[in-house]
């Protein structure tokens, strides 16, 4: 394979890895930050599961917990947890759960366990995004070295 074609291939593969991986890493950072609510003041409360909402997934059906809790300002609120759970992970009706919510928007509450799951998923995505971006950058660096080695002296 000629040096020119090798450089083109390394450049193409480098950008193919770098761009999507970098975007994945940025999306993962957003997921971690928004799930952990890093930008807002958050509070915790104890809530009670009062029902379930069924959600159809590709293969089967899962359930989202409907939770009631009392916010710091005394308002009784109800929310549907964003995380769909299956089988043993489903909270039972009447079960007490820890709730996290932003002080300014208590309607945006989540079960605290859901936040942990989202942060773990975001961390894994961040790791793979960073690895892919590093591999892409390495390939682009190798492309420039291949160009330097092929240059006549």
N, C-alpha and C. Protein backbone atom coordinates (compact mmCIF):
# COMPACT_ATOMS: atom_id res chain seq x y z
N UNK A 1 0.85 -1.17 0.00
CA UNK A 1 0.00 0.00 0.00
C UNK A 1 0.89 1.23 0.00
N UNK A 2 0.55 2.19 -0.84
CA UNK A 2 1.38 3.38 -0.94
C UNK A 2 1.20 4.26 0.30
N UNK A 3 2.19 5.11 0.50
CA UNK A 3 2.19 6.00 1.65
C UNK A 3 0.99 6.95 1.60
N UNK A 4 0.64 7.41 0.42
CA UNK A 4 -0.49 8.33 0.26
C UNK A 4 -1.80 7.66 0.67
N UNK A 5 -1.99 6.42 0.26
CA UNK A 5 -3.22 5.70 0.61
C UNK A 5 -3.24 5.37 2.10
N UNK A 6 -2.11 5.06 2.67
CA UNK A 6 -2.03 4.79 4.11
C UNK A 6 -2.41 6.03 4.90
N UNK A 7 -1.89 7.17 4.49
CA UNK A 7 -2.23 8.43 5.16
C UNK A 7 -3.72 8.72 5.06
N UNK A 8 -4.29 8.51 3.87
CA UNK A 8 -5.72 8.76 3.68
C UNK A 8 -6.55 7.83 4.57
N UNK A 9 -6.16 6.57 4.63
CA UNK A 9 -6.89 5.60 5.44
C UNK A 9 -6.78 5.94 6.93
N UNK A 10 -5.58 6.29 7.39
CA UNK A 10 -5.41 6.68 8.80
C UNK A 10 -6.22 7.93 9.13
N UNK A 11 -6.22 8.89 8.21
CA UNK A 11 -6.99 10.11 8.43
C UNK A 11 -8.49 9.84 8.49
N UNK A 12 -8.97 9.02 7.56
CA UNK A 12 -10.39 8.68 7.54
C UNK A 12 -10.80 7.94 8.80
N UNK A 13 -10.02 6.94 9.19
CA UNK A 13 -10.32 6.19 10.42
C UNK A 13 -10.22 7.08 11.66
N UNK A 14 -9.23 7.96 11.67
CA UNK A 14 -9.05 8.87 12.80
C UNK A 14 -10.26 9.76 12.99
N UNK A 15 -10.71 10.40 11.91
CA UNK A 15 -11.88 11.27 12.03
C UNK A 15 -13.14 10.47 12.31
N UNK A 16 -13.23 9.26 11.74
CA UNK A 16 -14.39 8.39 11.98
C UNK A 16 -14.51 8.02 13.45
N UNK A 17 -13.39 7.87 14.13
CA UNK A 17 -13.41 7.58 15.57
C UNK A 17 -13.54 8.85 16.41
N UNK A 18 -12.81 9.88 16.03
CA UNK A 18 -12.72 11.08 16.86
C UNK A 18 -14.06 11.82 16.98
N UNK A 19 -14.72 12.08 15.87
CA UNK A 19 -15.94 12.89 15.92
C UNK A 19 -17.07 12.23 16.69
N UNK A 20 -17.50 11.00 16.34
CA UNK A 20 -18.60 10.40 17.10
C UNK A 20 -18.24 10.13 18.57
N UNK A 21 -16.99 9.77 18.80
CA UNK A 21 -16.57 9.51 20.18
C UNK A 21 -16.56 10.79 21.01
N UNK A 22 -16.12 11.86 20.42
CA UNK A 22 -16.13 13.15 21.11
C UNK A 22 -17.55 13.60 21.42
N UNK A 23 -18.46 13.43 20.46
CA UNK A 23 -19.86 13.77 20.70
C UNK A 23 -20.48 12.87 21.77
N UNK A 24 -20.12 11.59 21.77
CA UNK A 24 -20.61 10.68 22.79
C UNK A 24 -20.11 11.10 24.17
N UNK A 25 -18.86 11.50 24.26
CA UNK A 25 -18.30 11.95 25.54
C UNK A 25 -19.02 13.20 26.03
N UNK A 26 -19.31 14.14 25.13
CA UNK A 26 -20.05 15.34 25.52
C UNK A 26 -21.47 15.00 25.98
N UNK A 27 -22.13 14.10 25.27
CA UNK A 27 -23.48 13.68 25.68
C UNK A 27 -23.44 12.98 27.03
N UNK A 28 -22.40 12.19 27.26
CA UNK A 28 -22.25 11.50 28.55
C UNK A 28 -22.04 12.50 29.67
N UNK A 29 -21.25 13.53 29.43
CA UNK A 29 -21.06 14.57 30.44
C UNK A 29 -22.37 15.27 30.75
N UNK A 30 -23.16 15.54 29.73
CA UNK A 30 -24.47 16.16 29.94
C UNK A 30 -25.37 15.23 30.76
N UNK A 31 -25.37 13.93 30.44
CA UNK A 31 -26.19 12.95 31.17
C UNK A 31 -25.78 12.89 32.63
N UNK A 32 -24.49 12.85 32.89
CA UNK A 32 -24.00 12.81 34.27
C UNK A 32 -24.39 14.08 35.01
N UNK A 33 -24.15 15.22 34.39
CA UNK A 33 -24.45 16.49 35.03
C UNK A 33 -25.93 16.70 35.29
N UNK A 34 -26.76 16.36 34.31
CA UNK A 34 -28.20 16.57 34.50
C UNK A 34 -28.80 15.53 35.43
N UNK A 35 -28.30 14.31 35.41
CA UNK A 35 -28.81 13.27 36.31
C UNK A 35 -28.46 13.57 37.76
N UNK A 36 -27.24 13.97 37.99
CA UNK A 36 -26.80 14.29 39.35
C UNK A 36 -27.24 15.69 39.75
N UNK A 37 -27.83 16.42 38.79
CA UNK A 37 -28.30 17.78 39.01
C UNK A 37 -27.20 18.65 39.60
N UNK A 38 -26.05 18.64 38.93
CA UNK A 38 -24.89 19.37 39.41
C UNK A 38 -25.06 20.89 39.36
N UNK A 39 -25.97 21.36 38.51
CA UNK A 39 -26.09 22.80 38.32
C UNK A 39 -27.15 23.43 39.22
N UNK A 40 -27.91 22.62 39.92
CA UNK A 40 -29.00 23.15 40.75
C UNK A 40 -28.86 22.69 42.19
N UNK A 41 -29.52 23.40 43.06
CA UNK A 41 -29.62 23.00 44.46
C UNK A 41 -30.63 21.87 44.55
N UNK A 42 -30.24 20.74 45.09
CA UNK A 42 -31.15 19.60 45.19
C UNK A 42 -31.43 19.28 46.65
N UNK A 43 -32.56 18.68 46.85
CA UNK A 43 -32.97 18.22 48.18
C UNK A 43 -33.40 16.77 48.07
N UNK A 44 -33.45 16.14 49.22
CA UNK A 44 -33.92 14.76 49.30
C UNK A 44 -35.16 14.72 50.17
N UNK A 45 -36.00 13.76 49.91
CA UNK A 45 -37.21 13.54 50.70
C UNK A 45 -37.53 12.06 50.64
N UNK A 46 -38.41 11.64 51.51
CA UNK A 46 -38.89 10.26 51.45
C UNK A 46 -40.24 10.27 50.76
N UNK A 47 -40.36 9.41 49.77
CA UNK A 47 -41.61 9.31 49.02
C UNK A 47 -42.19 7.92 49.18
N UNK A 48 -43.39 7.75 48.63
CA UNK A 48 -44.05 6.46 48.71
C UNK A 48 -44.55 6.10 47.31
N UNK A 49 -44.30 4.86 46.89
CA UNK A 49 -44.76 4.39 45.59
C UNK A 49 -46.27 4.17 45.69
N UNK A 50 -47.02 4.85 44.81
CA UNK A 50 -48.48 4.75 44.86
C UNK A 50 -49.07 4.02 43.66
N UNK A 51 -48.23 3.65 42.72
CA UNK A 51 -48.72 2.93 41.55
C UNK A 51 -47.60 2.72 40.54
N UNK A 52 -48.00 2.15 39.40
CA UNK A 52 -47.05 1.89 38.31
C UNK A 52 -47.67 2.32 36.99
N UNK A 53 -46.79 2.70 36.09
CA UNK A 53 -47.19 3.02 34.73
C UNK A 53 -46.44 2.06 33.82
N UNK A 54 -47.18 1.33 32.98
CA UNK A 54 -46.52 0.36 32.10
C UNK A 54 -45.96 1.06 30.88
N UNK A 55 -44.77 0.59 30.48
CA UNK A 55 -44.08 1.12 29.31
C UNK A 55 -43.72 -0.05 28.42
N UNK A 56 -43.99 0.09 27.14
CA UNK A 56 -43.66 -0.99 26.20
C UNK A 56 -42.25 -0.78 25.68
N UNK A 57 -41.40 -1.78 25.90
CA UNK A 57 -40.05 -1.76 25.37
C UNK A 57 -40.04 -2.56 24.08
N UNK A 58 -38.91 -2.67 23.42
CA UNK A 58 -38.84 -3.41 22.16
C UNK A 58 -39.27 -4.87 22.33
N UNK A 59 -38.79 -5.50 23.39
CA UNK A 59 -39.03 -6.94 23.57
C UNK A 59 -40.17 -7.24 24.53
N UNK A 60 -40.27 -6.48 25.61
CA UNK A 60 -41.27 -6.77 26.62
C UNK A 60 -41.80 -5.49 27.26
N UNK A 61 -42.45 -5.64 28.39
CA UNK A 61 -43.07 -4.51 29.09
C UNK A 61 -42.31 -4.25 30.38
N UNK A 62 -42.12 -2.98 30.71
CA UNK A 62 -41.48 -2.60 31.97
C UNK A 62 -42.43 -1.65 32.71
N UNK A 63 -42.05 -1.29 33.92
CA UNK A 63 -42.90 -0.42 34.71
C UNK A 63 -42.10 0.76 35.24
N UNK A 64 -42.77 1.91 35.27
CA UNK A 64 -42.21 3.10 35.90
C UNK A 64 -43.01 3.33 37.18
N UNK A 65 -42.32 3.65 38.25
CA UNK A 65 -43.00 3.88 39.52
C UNK A 65 -43.62 5.27 39.58
N UNK A 66 -44.83 5.32 40.10
CA UNK A 66 -45.50 6.60 40.37
C UNK A 66 -45.32 6.85 41.87
N UNK A 67 -44.71 8.00 42.19
CA UNK A 67 -44.30 8.28 43.57
C UNK A 67 -44.93 9.58 44.06
N UNK A 68 -45.37 9.58 45.31
CA UNK A 68 -45.83 10.79 45.97
C UNK A 68 -44.83 11.16 47.06
N UNK A 69 -44.59 12.48 47.20
CA UNK A 69 -43.70 12.96 48.26
C UNK A 69 -44.09 14.38 48.62
N UNK A 70 -43.57 14.86 49.72
CA UNK A 70 -43.81 16.22 50.16
C UNK A 70 -42.52 17.02 49.99
N UNK A 71 -42.61 18.10 49.21
CA UNK A 71 -41.43 18.94 48.95
C UNK A 71 -41.12 19.79 50.17
N UNK A 72 -39.96 20.45 50.14
CA UNK A 72 -39.51 21.28 51.25
C UNK A 72 -40.47 22.42 51.58
N UNK A 73 -41.26 22.86 50.59
CA UNK A 73 -42.20 23.95 50.82
C UNK A 73 -43.58 23.47 51.27
N UNK A 74 -43.71 22.16 51.52
CA UNK A 74 -44.96 21.61 52.03
C UNK A 74 -45.92 21.10 50.98
N UNK A 75 -45.60 21.31 49.70
CA UNK A 75 -46.49 20.83 48.64
C UNK A 75 -46.40 19.32 48.49
N UNK A 76 -47.54 18.68 48.35
CA UNK A 76 -47.58 17.24 48.06
C UNK A 76 -47.52 17.10 46.54
N UNK A 77 -46.53 16.36 46.08
CA UNK A 77 -46.32 16.21 44.64
C UNK A 77 -46.33 14.73 44.25
N UNK A 78 -46.64 14.50 43.00
CA UNK A 78 -46.64 13.15 42.44
C UNK A 78 -45.85 13.19 41.14
N UNK A 79 -45.01 12.18 40.90
CA UNK A 79 -44.24 12.12 39.67
C UNK A 79 -44.10 10.68 39.21
N UNK A 80 -43.78 10.53 37.95
CA UNK A 80 -43.48 9.21 37.38
C UNK A 80 -41.97 9.16 37.20
N UNK A 81 -41.33 8.16 37.81
CA UNK A 81 -39.88 8.04 37.71
C UNK A 81 -39.50 7.78 36.25
N UNK A 82 -38.46 8.43 35.74
CA UNK A 82 -38.10 8.27 34.33
C UNK A 82 -37.50 6.90 33.98
N UNK A 83 -37.03 6.17 34.98
CA UNK A 83 -36.37 4.89 34.71
C UNK A 83 -37.38 3.76 34.71
N UNK A 84 -37.47 3.03 33.59
CA UNK A 84 -38.36 1.87 33.49
C UNK A 84 -37.65 0.66 34.08
N UNK A 85 -38.34 -0.06 34.93
CA UNK A 85 -37.75 -1.20 35.63
C UNK A 85 -38.50 -2.47 35.26
N UNK A 86 -37.77 -3.58 35.33
CA UNK A 86 -38.36 -4.88 35.01
C UNK A 86 -38.16 -5.84 36.17
N UNK A 87 -39.06 -6.77 36.27
CA UNK A 87 -39.01 -7.90 37.21
C UNK A 87 -38.72 -7.46 38.63
N UNK A 88 -37.66 -7.96 39.25
CA UNK A 88 -37.38 -7.72 40.66
C UNK A 88 -36.98 -6.28 40.96
N UNK A 89 -36.62 -5.50 39.96
CA UNK A 89 -36.20 -4.12 40.17
C UNK A 89 -37.37 -3.18 40.39
N UNK A 90 -38.59 -3.65 40.13
CA UNK A 90 -39.77 -2.81 40.26
C UNK A 90 -40.07 -2.58 41.74
N UNK A 91 -40.31 -1.33 42.10
CA UNK A 91 -40.69 -1.02 43.48
C UNK A 91 -42.13 -1.46 43.72
N UNK A 92 -42.40 -1.95 44.88
CA UNK A 92 -43.75 -2.39 45.23
C UNK A 92 -44.59 -1.19 45.66
N UNK A 93 -45.89 -1.25 45.37
CA UNK A 93 -46.81 -0.20 45.80
C UNK A 93 -46.79 -0.14 47.33
N UNK A 94 -46.65 1.06 47.86
CA UNK A 94 -46.57 1.26 49.30
C UNK A 94 -45.14 1.33 49.82
N UNK A 95 -44.18 0.96 49.00
CA UNK A 95 -42.76 0.98 49.41
C UNK A 95 -42.26 2.42 49.55
N UNK A 96 -41.48 2.68 50.57
CA UNK A 96 -40.85 3.99 50.75
C UNK A 96 -39.57 4.05 49.91
N UNK A 97 -39.37 5.17 49.24
CA UNK A 97 -38.18 5.37 48.42
C UNK A 97 -37.61 6.75 48.70
N UNK A 98 -36.31 6.88 48.51
CA UNK A 98 -35.66 8.18 48.65
C UNK A 98 -35.83 8.93 47.33
N UNK A 99 -36.22 10.18 47.44
CA UNK A 99 -36.50 11.02 46.28
C UNK A 99 -35.51 12.18 46.27
N UNK A 100 -34.98 12.50 45.09
CA UNK A 100 -34.14 13.69 44.92
C UNK A 100 -34.85 14.62 43.96
N UNK A 101 -34.81 15.90 44.27
CA UNK A 101 -35.49 16.86 43.41
C UNK A 101 -34.78 18.22 43.46
N UNK A 102 -34.81 18.98 42.36
CA UNK A 102 -34.27 20.33 42.36
C UNK A 102 -35.20 21.25 43.16
N UNK A 103 -34.64 22.10 43.97
CA UNK A 103 -35.43 22.99 44.82
C UNK A 103 -36.36 23.87 43.99
N UNK A 104 -35.86 24.38 42.87
CA UNK A 104 -36.66 25.29 42.05
C UNK A 104 -37.72 24.57 41.22
N UNK A 105 -37.52 23.29 40.95
CA UNK A 105 -38.48 22.52 40.16
C UNK A 105 -38.71 21.15 40.79
N UNK A 106 -39.42 21.09 41.90
CA UNK A 106 -39.63 19.81 42.56
C UNK A 106 -40.43 18.82 41.71
N UNK A 107 -41.10 19.33 40.67
CA UNK A 107 -41.84 18.44 39.76
C UNK A 107 -40.88 17.55 38.98
N UNK A 108 -39.61 17.91 38.92
CA UNK A 108 -38.59 17.15 38.19
C UNK A 108 -37.94 16.09 39.07
N UNK A 109 -38.65 15.61 40.06
CA UNK A 109 -38.10 14.65 41.02
C UNK A 109 -37.82 13.30 40.36
N UNK A 110 -36.91 12.56 40.99
CA UNK A 110 -36.57 11.20 40.57
C UNK A 110 -36.30 10.36 41.81
N UNK A 111 -36.50 9.07 41.66
CA UNK A 111 -36.09 8.16 42.72
C UNK A 111 -34.56 8.21 42.75
N UNK A 112 -33.96 8.30 43.92
CA UNK A 112 -32.51 8.46 44.05
C UNK A 112 -31.75 7.33 43.36
N UNK A 113 -32.26 6.11 43.41
CA UNK A 113 -31.59 4.98 42.74
C UNK A 113 -31.50 5.21 41.23
N UNK A 114 -32.51 5.87 40.66
CA UNK A 114 -32.51 6.14 39.22
C UNK A 114 -31.37 7.07 38.85
N UNK A 115 -31.10 8.03 39.73
CA UNK A 115 -30.00 8.96 39.50
C UNK A 115 -28.68 8.19 39.44
N UNK A 116 -28.49 7.25 40.36
CA UNK A 116 -27.26 6.45 40.40
C UNK A 116 -27.10 5.65 39.11
N UNK A 117 -28.19 5.03 38.66
CA UNK A 117 -28.13 4.24 37.42
C UNK A 117 -27.75 5.13 36.24
N UNK A 118 -28.35 6.31 36.15
CA UNK A 118 -28.05 7.22 35.05
C UNK A 118 -26.61 7.71 35.10
N UNK A 119 -26.09 7.97 36.29
CA UNK A 119 -24.70 8.41 36.42
C UNK A 119 -23.74 7.28 36.02
N UNK A 120 -24.06 6.04 36.39
CA UNK A 120 -23.21 4.90 36.01
C UNK A 120 -23.22 4.73 34.48
N UNK A 121 -24.41 4.79 33.89
CA UNK A 121 -24.50 4.67 32.42
C UNK A 121 -23.72 5.81 31.75
N UNK A 122 -23.88 7.03 32.26
CA UNK A 122 -23.15 8.17 31.72
C UNK A 122 -21.64 8.01 31.86
N UNK A 123 -21.20 7.44 32.98
CA UNK A 123 -19.76 7.23 33.20
C UNK A 123 -19.19 6.22 32.23
N UNK A 124 -19.94 5.15 31.98
CA UNK A 124 -19.49 4.14 31.01
C UNK A 124 -19.42 4.75 29.62
N UNK A 125 -20.44 5.51 29.25
CA UNK A 125 -20.41 6.18 27.94
C UNK A 125 -19.25 7.16 27.84
N UNK A 126 -18.98 7.88 28.91
CA UNK A 126 -17.86 8.82 28.93
C UNK A 126 -16.54 8.10 28.74
N UNK A 127 -16.38 6.96 29.42
CA UNK A 127 -15.15 6.18 29.28
C UNK A 127 -14.94 5.72 27.83
N UNK A 128 -15.99 5.14 27.23
CA UNK A 128 -15.85 4.66 25.86
C UNK A 128 -15.70 5.82 24.87
N UNK A 129 -16.38 6.93 25.13
CA UNK A 129 -16.22 8.10 24.26
C UNK A 129 -14.80 8.64 24.32
N UNK A 130 -14.25 8.70 25.54
CA UNK A 130 -12.87 9.20 25.70
C UNK A 130 -11.86 8.26 25.04
N UNK A 131 -12.07 6.95 25.20
CA UNK A 131 -11.17 5.98 24.57
C UNK A 131 -11.23 6.08 23.05
N UNK A 132 -12.44 6.20 22.51
CA UNK A 132 -12.59 6.33 21.06
C UNK A 132 -11.97 7.62 20.54
N UNK A 133 -12.16 8.71 21.27
CA UNK A 133 -11.57 9.98 20.85
C UNK A 133 -10.04 9.91 20.92
N UNK A 134 -9.52 9.26 21.94
CA UNK A 134 -8.06 9.11 22.05
C UNK A 134 -7.52 8.25 20.90
N UNK A 135 -8.23 7.18 20.56
CA UNK A 135 -7.80 6.32 19.44
C UNK A 135 -7.84 7.11 18.13
N UNK A 136 -8.89 7.91 17.94
CA UNK A 136 -8.98 8.73 16.73
C UNK A 136 -7.86 9.74 16.65
N UNK A 137 -7.56 10.39 17.77
CA UNK A 137 -6.48 11.37 17.79
C UNK A 137 -5.14 10.69 17.51
N UNK A 138 -4.95 9.49 18.04
CA UNK A 138 -3.71 8.74 17.79
C UNK A 138 -3.58 8.40 16.30
N UNK A 139 -4.67 7.98 15.68
CA UNK A 139 -4.61 7.68 14.25
C UNK A 139 -4.29 8.93 13.43
N UNK A 140 -4.86 10.06 13.81
CA UNK A 140 -4.54 11.30 13.08
C UNK A 140 -3.08 11.70 13.28
N UNK A 141 -2.57 11.44 14.47
CA UNK A 141 -1.15 11.73 14.73
C UNK A 141 -0.25 10.79 13.90
N UNK A 142 -0.64 9.52 13.82
CA UNK A 142 0.13 8.57 13.01
C UNK A 142 0.09 8.97 11.53
N UNK A 143 -1.04 9.53 11.09
CA UNK A 143 -1.16 9.98 9.70
C UNK A 143 -0.14 11.07 9.42
N UNK A 144 -0.01 12.02 10.34
CA UNK A 144 0.93 13.13 10.10
C UNK A 144 2.38 12.63 10.16
N UNK A 145 2.64 11.62 11.00
CA UNK A 145 4.00 11.04 11.05
C UNK A 145 4.31 10.29 9.75
N UNK A 146 3.28 9.59 9.22
CA UNK A 146 3.47 8.87 7.96
C UNK A 146 3.77 9.87 6.84
N UNK A 147 3.14 11.03 6.91
CA UNK A 147 3.40 12.07 5.90
C UNK A 147 4.83 12.58 6.03
N UNK A 148 5.28 12.77 7.28
CA UNK A 148 6.65 13.26 7.50
C UNK A 148 7.70 12.25 7.08
N UNK A 149 7.43 10.97 7.27
CA UNK A 149 8.38 9.93 6.90
C UNK A 149 8.45 9.76 5.40
N UNK A 150 7.31 10.05 4.71
CA UNK A 150 7.30 9.88 3.25
C UNK A 150 7.90 11.07 2.52
N UNK A 151 8.06 12.19 3.20
CA UNK A 151 8.60 13.40 2.55
C UNK A 151 10.06 13.18 2.17
N UNK A 152 10.45 13.61 0.96
CA UNK A 152 11.83 13.45 0.55
C UNK A 152 12.76 14.40 1.35
N UNK A 153 13.93 13.94 1.63
CA UNK A 153 14.89 14.72 2.42
C UNK A 153 15.75 15.59 1.57
